[in-house]
C-alpha cells in the first residue's frame, strides 16, 4: 500500500534545503525547554522534535525569516534576543512589526518553494501566533486561547512578498532558552 506524502511534508523538506542555501542549519532537538517550539542563534535553527510536519513547516519558515532579519539588521537581532514583558505601546508595535517582517520573509520563501496556495494557512498561523504573543508580552501569561486584550492591541497586516537579501548568517554568543513559545501545550 502506497502512503500519500502531505504537501506540508514536501514543503518542509524544501524549506530545510532552502535554509541550507542561505547558510542556515535546521536541527531537530529534544533538549528545548518544554514550553518552546523552536530556537535560533542567527545561523542555527532548533525545532522541537514533538511537532507534526505542518506545525514544523510554519516554525521553520518563521525562524528562517528571523535569521534573515538578524543577518541584515543588528537592531532587529537585539530586539529579538530579549523576551520582552510589559512593553510600552511603542515597543509593542516594534515587536509586532518584527514578527510581521519575519512572516513576510516566510511567505516569500513559501512562494519560492511552490507553496503559494498555502498563503491563507501561513497568514492564519501568523495571526494566531501574533495574538498569543501580544497577550504574553502584555501580561506575561501563557494563554491557550486568544484574549480580548490581544485582539485590542494586535497589529496584524496582510503578508507581503519580500526579496530575500544576501546576508552572512552569524550566530550570537551565549546560550538561549527558546524563542518560539508553544502556547498549545
Protein backbone atom coordinates (compact mmCIF):
# COMPACT_ATOMS: atom_id res chain seq x y z
CA UNK A 1 0.00 0.00 0.00
CA UNK A 2 1.38 3.38 -1.04
CA UNK A 3 1.48 6.21 1.53
CA UNK A 4 0.46 9.71 0.46
CA UNK A 5 3.03 12.35 1.43
CA UNK A 6 1.42 15.59 2.57
CA UNK A 7 2.11 18.94 0.96
CA UNK A 8 3.45 20.12 4.34
CA UNK A 9 5.98 17.29 4.42
CA UNK A 10 7.21 18.05 0.90
CA UNK A 11 7.45 21.78 1.61
CA UNK A 12 9.17 21.17 4.94
CA UNK A 13 11.96 19.26 3.21
CA UNK A 14 12.23 22.04 0.62
CA UNK A 15 12.33 24.67 3.39
CA UNK A 16 15.14 22.83 5.18
CA UNK A 17 17.07 22.64 1.90
CA UNK A 18 16.40 26.32 1.21
CA UNK A 19 17.71 27.21 4.68
CA UNK A 20 20.95 25.42 3.81
CA UNK A 21 21.34 27.54 0.64
CA UNK A 22 21.25 30.60 2.92
CA UNK A 23 23.95 29.14 5.17
CA UNK A 24 21.48 28.18 7.90
CA UNK A 25 21.26 24.79 9.59
CA UNK A 26 17.96 23.35 10.86
CA UNK A 27 18.21 20.80 13.68
CA UNK A 28 15.53 18.81 15.46
CA UNK A 29 16.00 19.00 19.20
CA UNK A 30 14.82 17.09 22.23
CA UNK A 31 16.59 19.49 24.60
CA UNK A 32 14.46 22.61 24.23
CA UNK A 33 12.53 23.77 27.26
CA UNK A 34 9.10 22.07 27.03
CA UNK A 35 7.38 25.44 26.67
CA UNK A 36 9.24 26.26 23.46
CA UNK A 37 8.77 25.06 19.89
CA UNK A 38 11.98 26.44 18.48
CA UNK A 39 15.08 28.48 18.97
CA UNK A 40 17.73 30.11 16.84
CA UNK A 41 21.03 31.87 17.11
CA UNK A 42 21.16 33.58 13.71
CA UNK A 43 22.87 30.66 11.97
CA UNK A 44 21.28 27.59 13.56
CA UNK A 45 17.60 26.82 14.00
CA UNK A 46 16.49 24.24 16.54
CA UNK A 47 12.99 22.81 16.23
CA UNK A 48 11.23 20.72 18.85
CA UNK A 49 11.01 17.11 17.71
CA UNK A 50 7.43 16.92 19.06
CA UNK A 51 5.74 18.79 16.19
CA UNK A 52 3.96 17.40 13.17
CA UNK A 53 5.19 18.46 9.72
CA UNK A 54 2.55 21.18 9.35
CA UNK A 55 3.48 22.91 12.60
CA UNK A 56 7.17 22.37 11.95
CA UNK A 57 6.88 23.94 8.48
CA UNK A 58 5.42 27.15 9.92
CA UNK A 59 8.11 27.34 12.59
CA UNK A 60 11.00 26.63 10.22
CA UNK A 61 9.77 29.25 7.74
CA UNK A 62 9.19 31.74 10.55
CA UNK A 63 12.63 31.22 12.08
CA UNK A 64 14.33 31.45 8.68
CA UNK A 65 12.58 34.83 8.44
CA UNK A 66 14.03 35.90 11.77
CA UNK A 67 17.50 34.69 10.74
CA UNK A 68 17.25 36.85 7.62
CA UNK A 69 16.27 39.81 9.80
CA UNK A 70 19.17 39.17 12.19
CA UNK A 71 21.63 38.81 9.32
CA UNK A 72 20.62 42.09 7.75
CA UNK A 73 19.80 44.35 10.71
CA UNK A 74 21.66 44.21 14.03
CA UNK A 75 18.92 46.29 15.71
CA UNK A 76 16.40 43.56 14.86
CA UNK A 77 18.80 41.00 16.30
CA UNK A 78 18.98 42.99 19.54
CA UNK A 79 15.18 43.29 19.60
CA UNK A 80 14.70 39.56 19.02
CA UNK A 81 17.24 38.40 21.59
CA UNK A 82 15.17 39.59 24.54
CA UNK A 83 11.86 38.21 25.77
CA UNK A 84 10.01 41.48 26.34
CA UNK A 85 7.36 41.65 29.05
CA UNK A 86 5.03 44.60 29.66
CA UNK A 87 6.34 46.73 26.77
CA UNK A 88 5.04 50.24 26.25
CA UNK A 89 2.91 50.86 23.13
CA UNK A 90 5.89 51.91 21.01
CA UNK A 91 7.92 48.79 21.83
CA UNK A 92 4.87 46.54 21.38
CA UNK A 93 4.38 47.96 17.87
CA UNK A 94 8.08 47.38 17.07
CA UNK A 95 7.80 43.77 18.29
CA UNK A 96 4.69 43.19 16.20
CA UNK A 97 6.35 44.71 13.11
CA UNK A 98 9.33 42.43 13.76
CA UNK A 99 7.08 39.34 13.82
CA UNK A 100 5.21 40.52 10.72
CA UNK A 101 8.50 41.04 8.86
CA UNK A 102 9.69 37.51 9.66
CA UNK A 103 6.41 36.15 8.34
CA UNK A 104 6.68 38.23 5.16
CA UNK A 105 10.03 36.52 4.52
CA UNK A 106 8.37 33.19 5.37
CA UNK A 107 5.66 33.89 2.79
CA UNK A 108 8.25 34.82 0.16
CA UNK A 109 10.09 31.55 0.80
CA UNK A 110 6.85 29.56 0.72
CA UNK A 111 6.01 31.02 -2.71
CA UNK A 112 9.56 30.34 -3.94
CA UNK A 113 9.19 26.70 -2.84
CA UNK A 114 5.89 26.21 -4.72
CA UNK A 115 3.54 26.71 -1.77
CA UNK A 116 1.74 29.89 -2.86
CA UNK A 117 -1.58 28.08 -2.39
CA UNK A 118 -0.83 28.00 1.38
CA UNK A 119 -0.90 31.79 1.77
CA UNK A 120 -4.08 31.69 3.91
CA UNK A 121 -2.64 28.88 6.02
CA UNK A 122 0.52 30.90 6.68
CA UNK A 123 -1.46 34.07 7.42
CA UNK A 124 -3.71 32.23 9.88
CA UNK A 125 -0.67 30.79 11.68
CA UNK A 126 0.97 34.23 11.77
CA UNK A 127 -2.25 35.82 13.09
CA UNK A 128 -2.71 33.21 15.81
CA UNK A 129 0.94 33.44 16.83
CA UNK A 130 0.76 37.24 16.94
CA UNK A 131 -2.34 37.20 19.12
CA UNK A 132 -0.82 34.73 21.58
CA UNK A 133 2.44 36.69 21.67
CA UNK A 134 0.67 40.02 22.16
CA UNK A 135 -1.14 38.69 25.21
CA UNK A 136 2.11 37.19 26.52
CA UNK A 137 4.04 40.43 26.03
CA UNK A 138 1.35 42.43 27.81
CA UNK A 139 0.61 40.09 30.71
CA UNK A 140 3.45 37.57 30.99
CA UNK A 141 0.79 34.85 30.94
CA UNK A 142 0.93 31.89 28.57
CA UNK A 143 -2.68 31.52 27.45
CA UNK A 144 -4.01 28.82 25.14
CA UNK A 145 -6.85 30.99 23.94
CA UNK A 146 -6.97 34.30 22.14
CA UNK A 147 -7.82 37.05 24.60
CA UNK A 148 -9.78 40.27 24.20
CA UNK A 149 -6.65 42.12 25.36
CA UNK A 150 -4.62 40.63 22.49
CA UNK A 151 -7.34 41.43 19.97
CA UNK A 152 -7.48 45.03 21.20
CA UNK A 153 -3.70 45.52 20.96
CA UNK A 154 -2.65 43.48 17.94
CA UNK A 155 -1.06 44.90 14.84
CA UNK A 156 -1.86 42.36 12.12
CA UNK A 157 -1.35 43.10 8.43
CA UNK A 158 -1.54 41.07 5.24
CA UNK A 159 1.74 39.36 4.40
CA UNK A 160 3.86 40.86 1.62
CA UNK A 161 6.41 39.30 -0.68
CA UNK A 162 9.89 40.43 0.30
CA UNK A 163 13.03 39.86 -1.70
CA UNK A 164 15.37 37.57 0.20
CA UNK A 165 18.53 39.64 0.64
CA UNK A 166 22.03 38.24 0.60
CA UNK A 167 23.48 38.02 4.09
CA UNK A 168 26.07 36.09 6.04
CA UNK A 169 24.49 34.21 8.95
CA UNK A 170 26.34 34.85 12.19
CA UNK A 171 25.48 33.09 15.42
CA UNK A 172 25.05 35.22 18.53
CA UNK A 173 27.24 34.48 21.52
CA UNK A 174 25.91 32.63 24.54
CA UNK A 175 23.10 30.19 25.01
CA UNK A 176 19.41 30.72 24.57
CA UNK A 177 16.44 29.01 26.14
CA UNK A 178 13.91 29.08 23.34
CA UNK A 179 12.40 31.88 21.32
CA UNK A 180 9.29 30.31 19.83
CA UNK A 181 6.81 29.80 22.65
CA UNK A 182 4.46 26.82 22.49
CA UNK A 183 1.10 28.20 23.61
CA UNK A 184 -0.73 24.95 22.85
CA UNK A 185 0.89 22.72 25.49
